[in-house]
Protein backbone atom coordinates (compact mmCIF):
# COMPACT_ATOMS: atom_id res chain seq x y z
CA MET A 1 11.20 56.84 62.58
CA TYR A 2 9.71 59.51 64.57
CA ASN A 3 6.38 61.01 63.91
CA ASN A 4 3.75 63.15 65.65
CA HIS A 5 2.26 60.43 67.69
CA THR A 6 5.71 59.45 69.03
CA MET A 7 6.41 63.20 69.92
CA THR A 8 2.98 63.95 71.34
CA ASN A 9 3.14 60.74 73.62
CA LEU A 10 6.74 61.23 74.60
CA LEU A 11 7.19 60.73 78.43
CA SER A 12 8.83 63.25 80.54
CA ILE A 13 12.00 62.23 82.16
CA ASN A 14 11.84 62.08 86.01
CA GLN A 15 13.59 64.49 88.06
CA PRO A 16 16.57 62.71 89.93
CA LYS A 17 15.95 62.28 93.52
CA THR A 18 19.70 61.89 94.76
CA LYS A 19 22.83 63.59 93.69
CA SER A 20 24.29 60.17 92.70
CA ASP A 21 21.43 60.11 90.15
CA TYR A 22 22.64 63.53 88.71
CA LEU A 23 21.21 64.24 85.23
CA SER A 24 22.59 67.00 83.18
CA ASN A 25 20.40 68.80 80.60
CA ALA A 26 22.94 67.47 77.88
CA LYS A 27 21.96 63.94 79.06
CA VAL A 28 18.36 64.52 78.79
CA LEU A 29 18.69 66.00 75.38
CA VAL A 30 20.55 62.98 74.04
CA ASP A 31 17.76 60.52 75.95
CA THR A 32 15.18 62.75 74.18
CA LEU A 33 16.64 62.39 70.80
CA VAL A 34 16.68 58.52 71.30
CA LYS A 35 13.08 58.52 72.32
CA LEU A 36 12.10 60.38 69.36
CA GLY A 37 13.74 57.90 67.24
CA VAL A 38 16.70 59.88 65.86
CA ASP A 39 19.36 57.53 64.35
CA SER A 40 21.79 59.92 62.70
CA VAL A 41 23.08 63.42 63.63
CA PHE A 42 25.51 65.59 61.44
CA GLY A 43 27.83 67.87 63.15
CA TYR A 44 30.98 69.35 64.25
CA PRO A 45 31.98 69.58 67.71
CA GLY A 46 33.41 72.46 69.92
CA ALA A 47 33.60 73.51 73.44
CA SER A 48 29.90 74.64 73.92
CA VAL A 49 28.45 71.21 73.05
CA LEU A 50 31.22 68.94 74.27
CA SER A 51 28.64 68.00 77.05
CA ILE A 52 26.21 66.61 74.30
CA TYR A 53 29.15 64.80 72.57
CA ASN A 54 29.95 63.21 75.84
CA GLU A 55 26.64 61.90 76.19
CA LEU A 56 26.50 60.61 72.50
CA ALA A 57 29.65 58.72 73.22
CA LYS A 58 27.86 56.81 76.01
CA GLN A 59 24.82 55.32 73.81
CA ASN A 60 24.66 53.30 70.61
CA LYS A 61 21.37 54.26 69.24
CA ILE A 62 22.48 57.49 67.37
CA LYS A 63 25.27 57.64 65.02
CA HIS A 64 27.28 60.95 64.73
CA TYR A 65 28.73 61.82 61.41
CA LEU A 66 31.53 64.20 61.50
CA VAL A 67 31.46 66.56 58.51
CA ARG A 68 34.32 68.77 57.47
CA HIS A 69 32.19 72.07 57.39
CA GLU A 70 29.17 73.05 59.32
CA GLN A 71 27.25 74.08 56.05
CA ALA A 72 27.79 70.58 54.68
CA ALA A 73 26.19 69.29 58.13
CA VAL A 74 22.87 71.06 57.38
CA HIS A 75 23.01 69.97 53.50
CA ALA A 76 23.65 66.49 54.58
CA ALA A 77 20.72 66.50 57.18
CA GLU A 78 18.58 67.94 54.24
CA GLY A 79 19.51 64.94 52.00
CA TYR A 80 18.53 62.56 54.94
CA ALA A 81 15.34 64.40 55.48
CA ALA A 82 14.46 64.51 51.75
CA ILE A 83 14.80 60.79 51.52
CA ASN A 84 12.98 59.67 54.63
CA GLY A 85 10.51 62.57 55.31
CA ALA A 86 11.65 62.68 58.99
CA PRO A 87 13.67 65.79 60.29
CA GLY A 88 17.40 65.79 59.67
CA VAL A 89 19.43 66.66 62.98
CA VAL A 90 22.43 69.05 62.89
CA LEU A 91 24.78 69.59 65.87
CA VAL A 92 27.10 72.55 65.89
CA THR A 93 29.17 74.70 68.40
CA SER A 94 28.91 78.41 69.14
CA GLY A 95 30.08 81.48 67.07
CA PRO A 96 31.40 80.49 63.67
CA GLY A 97 30.11 76.92 64.12
CA PHE A 98 26.82 78.20 64.07
CA THR A 99 27.11 81.10 61.51
CA ASN A 100 28.48 78.54 58.98
CA THR A 101 25.20 76.81 59.00
CA ILE A 102 23.06 79.85 57.93
CA THR A 103 23.08 79.17 54.13
CA GLY A 104 22.08 75.64 54.73
CA ILE A 105 19.22 76.69 57.17
CA ALA A 106 18.03 79.24 54.58
CA ASN A 107 18.06 76.59 51.82
CA ALA A 108 16.10 74.36 53.81
CA TYR A 109 13.66 77.12 54.74
CA SER A 110 13.21 77.98 50.98
CA ASP A 111 12.66 74.23 50.11
CA SER A 112 10.27 73.25 53.19
CA THR A 113 12.71 70.75 54.50
CA PRO A 114 12.24 69.67 58.00
CA LEU A 115 15.44 69.98 60.21
CA VAL A 116 16.17 70.57 63.87
CA ILE A 117 19.51 72.46 64.26
CA LEU A 118 20.99 72.17 67.80
CA ALA A 119 23.11 75.12 68.15
CA GLY A 120 25.74 75.63 71.00
CA ASP A 121 25.78 79.02 72.51
CA VAL A 122 28.06 80.87 74.98
CA ALA A 123 27.11 80.86 78.66
CA GLY A 124 23.74 82.39 79.18
CA SER A 125 24.36 84.19 82.40
CA SER A 126 27.47 86.11 81.12
CA LYS A 127 26.93 89.83 81.15
CA HIS A 128 30.46 90.91 79.58
CA SER A 129 30.17 93.01 76.69
CA LYS A 130 32.75 90.96 74.61
CA ILE A 131 32.19 87.16 74.80
CA PHE A 132 34.28 84.72 72.71
CA GLN A 133 32.19 83.24 70.06
CA LYS A 134 29.15 85.33 70.91
CA VAL A 135 26.62 85.68 68.17
CA ASP A 136 22.80 86.25 68.34
CA ILE A 137 21.40 83.15 67.10
CA ILE A 138 17.89 83.96 67.59
CA SER A 139 18.06 87.43 65.55
CA MET A 140 20.24 85.98 62.89
CA THR A 141 17.57 83.10 62.28
CA LYS A 142 14.39 85.19 62.57
CA THR A 143 13.90 85.33 58.65
CA CYS A 144 15.27 82.10 57.50
CA CYS A 145 13.84 79.27 59.82
CA LYS A 146 10.29 78.35 60.76
CA LYS A 147 10.82 78.69 64.58
CA ASN A 148 13.66 79.18 67.09
CA TYR A 149 14.25 78.66 70.64
CA LEU A 150 16.77 79.83 73.18
CA LEU A 151 16.90 77.58 76.21
CA LYS A 152 16.56 79.29 79.68
CA PRO A 153 17.21 78.06 83.15
CA ASN A 154 13.55 77.27 83.82
CA ASP A 155 13.07 75.30 80.54
CA ASN A 156 12.27 71.71 80.28
CA ILE A 157 14.71 70.79 77.51
CA ALA A 158 12.79 67.34 76.93
CA ASP A 159 9.59 69.25 76.25
CA ILE A 160 11.19 71.77 73.99
CA ILE A 161 13.10 69.41 71.94
CA THR A 162 10.01 67.46 71.53
CA GLU A 163 8.07 70.58 70.48
CA ALA A 164 10.80 71.56 68.02
CA PHE A 165 10.63 68.20 66.12
CA ARG A 166 6.83 68.42 65.96
CA GLU A 167 7.11 71.91 64.70
CA ALA A 168 9.69 71.08 62.00
CA ASN A 169 7.67 68.17 60.61
CA SER A 170 4.26 69.63 60.60
CA GLY A 171 2.24 72.08 58.51
CA ASN A 172 4.46 74.03 56.29
CA LYS A 173 7.43 72.14 57.22
CA GLY A 174 10.87 73.60 57.70
CA PRO A 175 14.02 74.18 59.83
CA VAL A 176 13.76 74.74 63.66
CA VAL A 177 16.83 76.27 65.51
CA VAL A 178 17.42 75.48 69.21
CA ALA A 179 20.17 77.66 71.05
CA LEU A 180 21.81 75.70 73.81
CA PRO A 181 23.84 77.88 76.32
CA ARG A 182 26.85 75.96 77.50
CA ASN A 183 26.12 76.49 81.22
CA PHE A 184 22.47 75.25 80.74
CA LEU A 185 23.56 72.14 79.01
CA GLU A 186 26.11 71.36 81.90
CA SER A 187 23.75 72.19 84.66
CA GLU A 188 21.55 69.61 86.43
CA TYR A 189 17.95 68.68 84.86
CA ILE A 190 15.31 69.71 87.05
CA VAL A 191 11.52 69.23 86.00
CA HIS A 192 9.58 72.38 85.60
CA PRO A 193 6.06 71.25 85.13
CA LYS A 194 4.90 72.04 81.63
CA THR A 195 2.07 70.35 79.64
CA ILE A 196 2.65 69.70 76.13
CA PRO A 197 -0.78 70.07 74.65
CA HIS A 198 -2.11 66.89 72.94
CA LEU A 199 -2.91 68.09 69.52
CA HIS A 200 -6.40 66.68 68.66
CA GLU A 201 -6.48 67.77 65.05
CA THR A 202 -9.98 67.77 63.90
CA GLU A 203 -10.37 66.74 60.11
CA LYS A 204 -10.96 69.44 57.91
CA ASP A 205 -14.15 69.24 55.69
CA PHE A 206 -13.44 69.78 52.10
CA SER A 207 -16.84 69.17 50.65
CA ASN A 208 -17.66 72.49 49.48
CA ASP A 209 -14.05 72.82 47.81
CA ILE A 210 -14.64 69.45 46.25
CA LYS A 211 -18.09 70.39 44.65
CA LYS A 212 -16.50 73.79 43.14
CA LEU A 213 -13.41 71.82 41.78
CA THR A 214 -15.64 69.14 40.33
CA GLN A 215 -17.76 71.91 38.49
CA LEU A 216 -14.56 73.66 37.19
CA ILE A 217 -13.16 70.37 35.81
CA ARG A 218 -16.32 69.57 34.10
CA ASN A 219 -16.51 73.15 32.55
CA ALA A 220 -13.02 73.17 31.45
CA SER A 221 -11.91 72.09 27.90
CA LYS A 222 -8.04 72.08 28.51
CA PRO A 223 -7.38 71.36 32.24
CA LEU A 224 -4.04 70.92 33.58
CA VAL A 225 -2.55 69.54 36.94
CA LEU A 226 0.66 71.50 38.22
CA LEU A 227 2.56 69.51 40.99
CA GLY A 228 4.97 71.33 43.38
CA GLY A 229 7.16 70.36 46.25
CA GLY A 230 4.39 70.25 48.59
CA SER A 231 2.81 67.63 46.71
CA ILE A 232 5.56 64.84 47.40
CA ASP A 233 3.93 63.32 50.52
CA ALA A 234 0.68 62.94 48.60
CA TYR A 235 2.07 61.04 45.74
CA TYR A 236 0.03 57.89 46.15
CA GLU A 237 -3.25 60.01 46.07
CA ILE A 238 -2.19 62.17 43.45
CA GLU A 239 -1.70 59.12 41.16
CA LYS A 240 -5.18 57.91 42.03
CA PHE A 241 -6.65 61.58 41.48
CA ILE A 242 -5.17 61.82 38.05
CA SER A 243 -6.41 58.21 37.09
CA LYS A 244 -9.78 59.39 38.15
CA VAL A 245 -9.93 62.87 36.29
CA GLN A 246 -7.57 61.93 33.37
CA ILE A 247 -5.87 65.33 33.16
CA PRO A 248 -2.34 66.03 31.98
CA VAL A 249 0.33 66.62 34.40
CA VAL A 250 3.30 69.06 34.66
CA SER A 251 5.54 69.83 37.59
CA THR A 252 7.80 72.31 38.93
CA LEU A 253 11.61 71.43 39.71
CA LYS A 254 10.73 70.43 43.26
CA GLY A 255 7.57 68.48 42.28
CA ILE A 256 9.34 66.14 39.95
CA GLY A 257 8.65 62.59 41.27
CA ALA A 258 5.42 63.17 42.83
CA TYR A 259 3.97 61.66 39.55
CA PRO A 260 5.61 59.12 37.48
CA SER A 261 7.70 60.83 34.68
CA GLU A 262 6.99 57.77 32.25
CA ASN A 263 3.27 57.99 32.50
CA ASN A 264 1.64 59.06 29.36
CA LEU A 265 -0.13 62.00 31.03
CA TYR A 266 3.13 63.43 32.36
CA LEU A 267 4.44 66.41 30.23
CA GLY A 268 7.51 67.48 32.18
CA MET A 269 8.80 70.45 34.17
CA ILE A 270 7.38 73.83 33.60
CA GLY A 271 9.27 77.26 34.05
CA LEU A 272 12.35 78.96 32.77
CA ASN A 273 14.27 75.95 32.14
CA GLY A 274 11.26 73.73 31.46
CA THR A 275 10.36 71.43 28.65
CA TYR A 276 8.60 72.79 25.48
CA THR A 277 5.67 70.41 26.03
CA ALA A 278 5.13 71.43 29.63
CA ASN A 279 5.20 75.16 28.95
CA ASP A 280 3.27 74.99 25.68
CA ALA A 281 0.43 72.89 27.50
CA LEU A 282 0.56 75.67 30.19
CA LYS A 283 0.01 78.35 27.67
CA GLN A 284 -2.94 76.59 26.19
CA CYS A 285 -4.74 75.32 29.22
CA ASP A 286 -7.88 77.14 30.72
CA LEU A 287 -7.93 75.43 34.16
CA LEU A 288 -4.79 74.98 36.11
CA ILE A 289 -4.97 72.66 39.18
CA SER A 290 -1.87 73.49 41.42
CA ILE A 291 -1.06 71.02 44.14
CA GLY A 292 1.77 72.08 46.61
CA ALA A 293 3.37 74.79 44.31
CA SER A 294 4.49 78.23 45.56
CA PHE A 295 4.51 80.09 42.13
CA SER A 296 8.00 81.25 42.42
CA ASP A 297 9.56 83.55 39.64
CA ARG A 298 11.39 80.28 38.18
CA THR A 299 7.95 78.89 37.52
CA THR A 300 6.38 82.12 36.29
CA CYS A 301 9.60 83.33 34.56
CA LYS A 302 8.73 86.82 36.31
CA ASN A 303 5.89 87.08 33.86
CA ASN A 304 2.97 89.40 35.00
CA GLU A 305 0.99 87.69 32.29
CA PHE A 306 1.61 84.05 33.68
CA ALA A 307 -1.70 82.27 33.36
CA GLU A 308 -3.50 85.53 32.79
CA ASN A 309 -6.59 83.97 31.21
CA ILE A 310 -6.44 80.66 33.08
CA LYS A 311 -8.61 79.77 36.31
CA ILE A 312 -6.23 78.59 38.82
CA VAL A 313 -7.34 76.23 41.65
CA ASN A 314 -4.48 76.21 44.43
CA VAL A 315 -4.25 73.24 46.96
CA ASN A 316 -1.49 74.42 49.51
CA ILE A 317 -0.90 74.14 53.35
CA LYS A 318 -0.78 77.93 53.44
CA HIS A 319 -2.18 80.93 51.65
CA ILE A 320 -0.56 81.95 48.45
CA SER A 321 -2.59 84.58 46.81
CA GLU A 322 -5.95 86.38 46.59
CA ASP A 323 -6.00 85.91 42.80
CA PHE A 324 -6.97 82.24 42.50
CA GLU A 325 -10.36 81.14 41.23
CA LEU A 326 -10.39 78.62 44.14
CA GLU A 327 -7.90 78.53 46.91
CA ILE A 328 -7.95 75.43 49.04
CA ILE A 329 -5.93 75.75 52.24
CA GLY A 330 -5.06 72.44 53.78
CA ASP A 331 -2.89 69.32 53.60
CA ALA A 332 -3.01 68.00 49.90
CA LYS A 333 -2.91 64.41 51.05
CA ASP A 334 -6.22 64.93 53.13
CA PHE A 335 -7.94 66.94 50.45
CA LEU A 336 -7.38 64.52 47.80
CA THR A 337 -8.37 61.60 50.03
CA GLN A 338 -11.65 63.28 50.50
CA PHE A 339 -11.75 63.98 46.74
CA LEU A 340 -11.27 60.41 46.00
CA ASN A 341 -14.08 59.30 48.16
CA SER A 342 -16.56 61.42 46.54
CA PRO A 343 -18.92 59.63 44.07
CA ASP A 344 -18.18 61.95 41.06
CA SER A 345 -17.04 60.61 37.66
CA PHE A 346 -15.34 62.44 34.97
CA THR A 347 -15.12 61.87 31.31
CA PRO A 348 -11.63 62.41 29.63
CA ASP A 349 -11.42 65.18 27.08
CA TRP A 350 -9.86 63.09 24.28
CA LYS A 351 -9.17 65.87 21.87
CA TRP A 352 -7.01 67.73 24.87
CA LEU A 353 -5.12 64.54 25.59
CA ILE A 354 -4.33 63.85 21.94
CA GLU A 355 -3.28 67.40 21.45
CA THR A 356 -0.79 67.37 24.55
CA ASP A 357 0.42 63.82 23.62
CA ALA A 358 1.38 65.30 20.23
CA LEU A 359 3.57 67.87 21.81
CA LYS A 360 5.84 65.35 23.49
CA GLU A 361 8.11 64.81 20.50
CA ASP A 362 9.57 68.17 21.13
CA ALA A 363 10.07 67.75 24.74
CA LEU A 364 13.75 67.28 25.05
CA PRO A 365 16.69 69.30 23.72
CA ASP A 366 19.00 68.00 21.16
CA VAL A 367 21.43 65.37 22.58
CA CYS A 368 23.93 65.27 19.82
CA SER A 369 27.60 66.07 20.38
CA PRO A 370 29.24 67.02 17.18
CA ASN A 371 32.23 69.03 18.82
CA GLY A 372 33.02 66.95 21.76
CA LEU A 373 31.04 65.91 24.88
CA HIS A 374 27.80 67.96 25.68
CA SER A 375 26.23 67.69 28.92
CA SER A 376 22.88 66.84 27.32
CA PHE A 377 24.55 63.83 25.75
CA VAL A 378 26.12 62.71 28.99
CA LEU A 379 23.17 63.17 31.02
CA LYS A 380 20.92 61.24 28.59
CA THR A 381 23.46 58.46 28.55
CA LEU A 382 23.74 58.39 32.27
CA SER A 383 20.12 58.31 32.65
CA ASP A 384 19.69 55.23 30.22
CA PHE A 385 22.85 53.54 31.67
CA THR A 386 21.50 53.66 35.39
CA LYS A 387 17.61 53.34 34.91
CA TYR A 388 17.73 49.62 35.99
CA TYR A 389 19.07 51.01 39.40
CA GLU A 390 16.22 53.31 39.94
CA PRO A 391 18.84 55.52 41.46
CA VAL A 392 18.57 58.53 44.01
CA VAL A 393 19.90 61.57 42.06
CA VAL A 394 21.23 64.46 43.89
CA THR A 395 22.23 67.57 41.92
CA ASP A 396 24.02 70.68 42.65
CA VAL A 397 22.97 73.95 41.03
CA GLY A 398 23.44 74.91 37.49
CA GLN A 399 23.05 73.75 33.85
CA HIS A 400 23.53 70.10 34.95
CA GLN A 401 20.76 70.53 37.46
CA MET A 402 18.20 71.63 34.83
CA LEU A 403 19.38 68.96 32.34
CA THR A 404 19.07 66.39 34.99
CA ALA A 405 15.46 67.37 35.51
CA GLN A 406 14.54 66.95 31.96
CA PHE A 407 16.53 63.70 31.04
CA PHE A 408 16.03 61.69 33.92
CA ASN A 409 12.67 59.81 34.63
CA PHE A 410 11.65 59.78 38.15
CA ASN A 411 8.86 57.40 38.62
CA LYS A 412 8.84 57.45 42.41
CA PRO A 413 8.94 60.00 45.04
CA ARG A 414 12.09 60.97 47.00
CA LYS A 415 14.37 60.01 44.10
CA PHE A 416 15.46 63.53 42.97
CA ILE A 417 17.01 65.95 45.38
CA THR A 418 18.13 69.23 44.51
CA SER A 419 18.27 72.96 45.94
CA GLY A 420 15.15 74.83 44.38
CA GLY A 421 14.33 77.94 46.20
CA LEU A 422 17.79 79.22 47.22
CA GLY A 423 19.82 77.55 44.47
CA THR A 424 22.77 76.70 46.74
CA MET A 425 25.96 75.74 44.87
CA GLY A 426 27.90 73.08 47.20
CA PHE A 427 24.57 71.43 48.09
CA GLY A 428 24.96 68.18 46.29
CA LEU A 429 27.85 66.23 47.69
CA PRO A 430 26.73 66.51 51.39
CA ALA A 431 23.18 66.12 50.48
CA ALA A 432 24.16 63.05 48.62
CA ILE A 433 25.84 61.66 51.83
CA GLY A 434 22.91 62.32 53.90
CA ALA A 435 20.48 60.75 51.16
CA TYR A 436 22.70 57.60 51.25
CA ILE A 437 22.72 57.33 55.02
CA ALA A 438 18.83 57.56 54.98
CA ASN A 439 18.62 54.77 52.21
CA SER A 440 21.82 52.66 51.88
CA GLN A 441 20.01 50.38 49.71
CA SER A 442 19.97 52.59 46.61
CA LEU A 443 22.34 53.73 44.22
CA VAL A 444 23.14 57.45 45.07
CA LEU A 445 24.45 59.55 41.98
CA ASN A 446 25.57 63.12 42.79
CA ILE A 447 25.41 65.03 39.59
CA THR A 448 27.53 68.20 40.04
CA GLY A 449 29.41 70.99 38.14
CA ASP A 450 32.94 71.65 38.44
CA GLY A 451 32.09 75.07 40.17
CA SER A 452 29.59 73.50 42.54
CA PHE A 453 31.90 70.52 43.57
CA GLN A 454 34.40 72.78 44.88
CA MET A 455 32.26 74.49 47.15
CA ASN A 456 32.15 71.36 49.43
CA LEU A 457 34.69 69.17 48.17
CA GLN A 458 36.19 68.66 51.60
CA GLU A 459 33.35 66.35 52.15
CA LEU A 460 35.24 63.64 50.43
CA ALA A 461 36.87 63.02 53.65
CA THR A 462 33.59 62.33 55.16
CA CYS A 463 32.81 59.75 52.28
CA ARG A 464 36.23 58.18 52.98
CA GLU A 465 35.92 58.02 56.71
CA HIS A 466 32.41 56.33 56.70
CA ASN A 467 32.78 54.39 53.25
CA ILE A 468 29.85 56.15 51.67
CA PRO A 469 29.70 54.64 48.06
CA ILE A 470 28.13 57.44 46.30
CA LYS A 471 28.86 58.12 42.66
CA ILE A 472 30.02 61.68 41.78
CA ILE A 473 29.61 62.85 38.16
CA ILE A 474 31.39 66.05 37.53
CA MET A 475 30.30 67.90 34.53
CA ASN A 476 33.42 69.87 33.97
CA ASN A 477 33.36 72.72 31.55
CA SER A 478 35.88 75.04 33.20
CA TYR A 479 33.19 77.59 33.62
CA LEU A 480 30.21 78.65 35.82
CA GLY A 481 27.98 77.29 33.09
CA MET A 482 24.66 78.87 33.82
CA VAL A 483 26.14 82.54 34.58
CA ARG A 484 28.43 82.09 31.40
CA GLU A 485 25.34 81.58 29.49
CA LEU A 486 23.74 84.63 30.88
CA GLN A 487 26.88 86.78 30.17
CA GLU A 488 26.79 85.61 26.66
CA LYS A 489 23.25 86.38 25.90
CA ILE A 490 22.71 89.61 27.81
CA TYR A 491 26.15 91.15 28.52
CA ASN A 492 28.11 90.81 25.34
CA GLN A 493 30.16 87.77 26.34
CA ARG A 494 31.91 89.79 29.04
CA TYR A 495 32.96 86.76 30.96
CA GLN A 496 34.36 86.55 34.63
CA VAL A 497 33.65 82.93 35.13
CA GLU A 498 36.36 81.17 33.59
CA MET A 499 37.82 78.51 35.89
CA ILE A 500 41.26 77.12 36.28
CA ASN A 501 40.28 73.65 37.77
CA PRO A 502 42.52 71.27 39.67
CA ASP A 503 42.99 67.67 38.47
CA PHE A 504 40.02 66.12 40.24
CA THR A 505 41.46 62.58 39.98
CA LYS A 506 44.47 63.66 41.91
CA ILE A 507 42.26 65.18 44.47
CA ALA A 508 40.38 61.79 44.74
CA GLU A 509 43.71 60.22 45.13
CA ALA A 510 44.80 62.38 47.98
CA TYR A 511 41.42 61.20 49.81
CA ASP A 512 42.30 57.51 48.71
CA LEU A 513 39.26 57.51 46.63
CA PHE A 514 38.51 56.05 43.14
CA ALA A 515 38.33 58.47 40.22
CA ILE A 516 38.34 58.32 36.39
CA SER A 517 38.57 60.99 33.66
CA VAL A 518 36.34 60.94 30.79
CA LYS A 519 37.20 63.13 27.45
CA THR A 520 35.61 61.14 24.74
CA LYS A 521 32.21 59.63 23.97
CA GLU A 522 33.92 56.27 23.69
CA GLU A 523 35.10 56.58 27.33
CA LEU A 524 31.88 57.52 28.75
CA ILE A 525 30.06 54.04 29.28
CA PRO A 526 33.20 52.10 30.33
CA ALA A 527 33.82 54.86 32.87
CA LEU A 528 30.33 54.66 34.28
CA GLU A 529 30.40 51.02 34.59
CA LYS A 530 33.65 51.04 36.68
CA ALA A 531 32.45 53.72 38.90
CA ILE A 532 29.08 52.07 39.67
CA ASN A 533 30.74 48.73 40.14
CA HIS A 534 33.29 50.17 42.52
CA ASN A 535 32.76 49.30 46.09
CA GLY A 536 32.98 52.74 47.52
CA THR A 537 32.96 56.40 46.70
CA ALA A 538 33.95 56.96 42.81
CA ILE A 539 34.39 60.25 41.05
CA VAL A 540 33.81 60.52 37.25
CA ASP A 541 35.25 63.71 35.94
CA ILE A 542 33.71 64.55 32.54
CA VAL A 543 35.21 67.24 30.36
CA ILE A 544 32.44 68.74 28.41
CA ASP A 545 32.00 71.50 25.91
CA SER A 546 32.56 74.81 27.68
CA PHE A 547 30.10 76.83 25.52
CA GLU A 548 27.07 74.48 25.52
CA ASN A 549 23.85 76.41 26.27
CA ILE A 550 20.62 74.93 27.58
């Protein structure tokens, strides 16, 4: 695995002295990826990057996974990065090869997922007005990536790739795009001296912030901790912090798993589709300690009165708002480490803990299925059935996503992977592929809807080619369920989201994969058992109630 220490100390590759030792920039690129510890690349080849593919074929450290669509390459890299914390790597060609990645890049940017996208480009020296597959990669990605680079003749590719990885995986993490002109890749590598600064990061002193927070906690009668996606890397410190202060915990969708779901102090997810317990506790609290949350409209429900009479302490790597009682800008892990080293002790407010504990009985929605299979019943059953495996659960976007967040207990970080900020349908299947590649020892479930699944179902071919044993659970209601629910509630049932679906089991058969259909409660457990025991990709197509609301 690569890290900042590896990248900072990466040795420059010496300039070849003779023509027989000719090194291309493409060769140096692949050598640099190897030195950085990259073991997997998700991509789709084309003329502008064939020099890179040629070099990949000559080595055995990096495995290339050929996806069937470039958007899927990015989502697979996201799943990979979400599991092991290191940047996922994408390799695509010029023109449509790159433009197909934009949705994935925007998704990674919204969720602060570290990626490095290696994008082939047309020859940089061409001055023609019309060039085959020419697009302005830099302009296209200005608003949806953390940083971008366009390689020029005098650039040292080893240094820039090293810098790109460091940038992707430091601070507020995110995708970094590197545009690679074909003629640059195929030309000879020549060292142009450039010093990559050694980053001597001085440890930030949070002592004043710790004193202020300590006093706020002691003055509060109903404090609450909110965990967002930026808290995942600090899960160990968070558990110790909660143990020290004895404060109830809620989370955003992306913060699920940063604190054990089965701990008595955890109340669930807040927001538009959150649990009653978590949202009610949020309404009652007088101090909200937010760690790594961005306060999106899904959390605040677009409510101008959100936490209006609550003092908010926000710990985040970046500035969020001027309205907080206390804003602590810095790495959550570093701040919590210093807080835990402080000698202060805290007395639990037992009355508040008893009150929040009493709310839990209303935490989950009804799971009965009087008129056929409901998704709530299916997901509760699936959660109970797979609990022993502690699976990695990757969802798509929709009703199933929100119910999975409620019914599954995630007691460890990096077990729940979903598209949060952008809400990208089609994310789940390729992200599950990447998650399995990053952690082949875990059972990986892709919980998806019939609409989301059809966005990227071509990646079943990738599963078949690489024998990736993920288990795909399709919640098949023949509607875009979340949109239908909004049209029912707000637009007088004027639906445009009915779906005539194919037979998903026959599609699986065409890819030579195992699939089984479920239409009754009695069929559910036997089907899940067969799918999980199957040595390969398995699809469980579950026909559920078309008009269930969440």
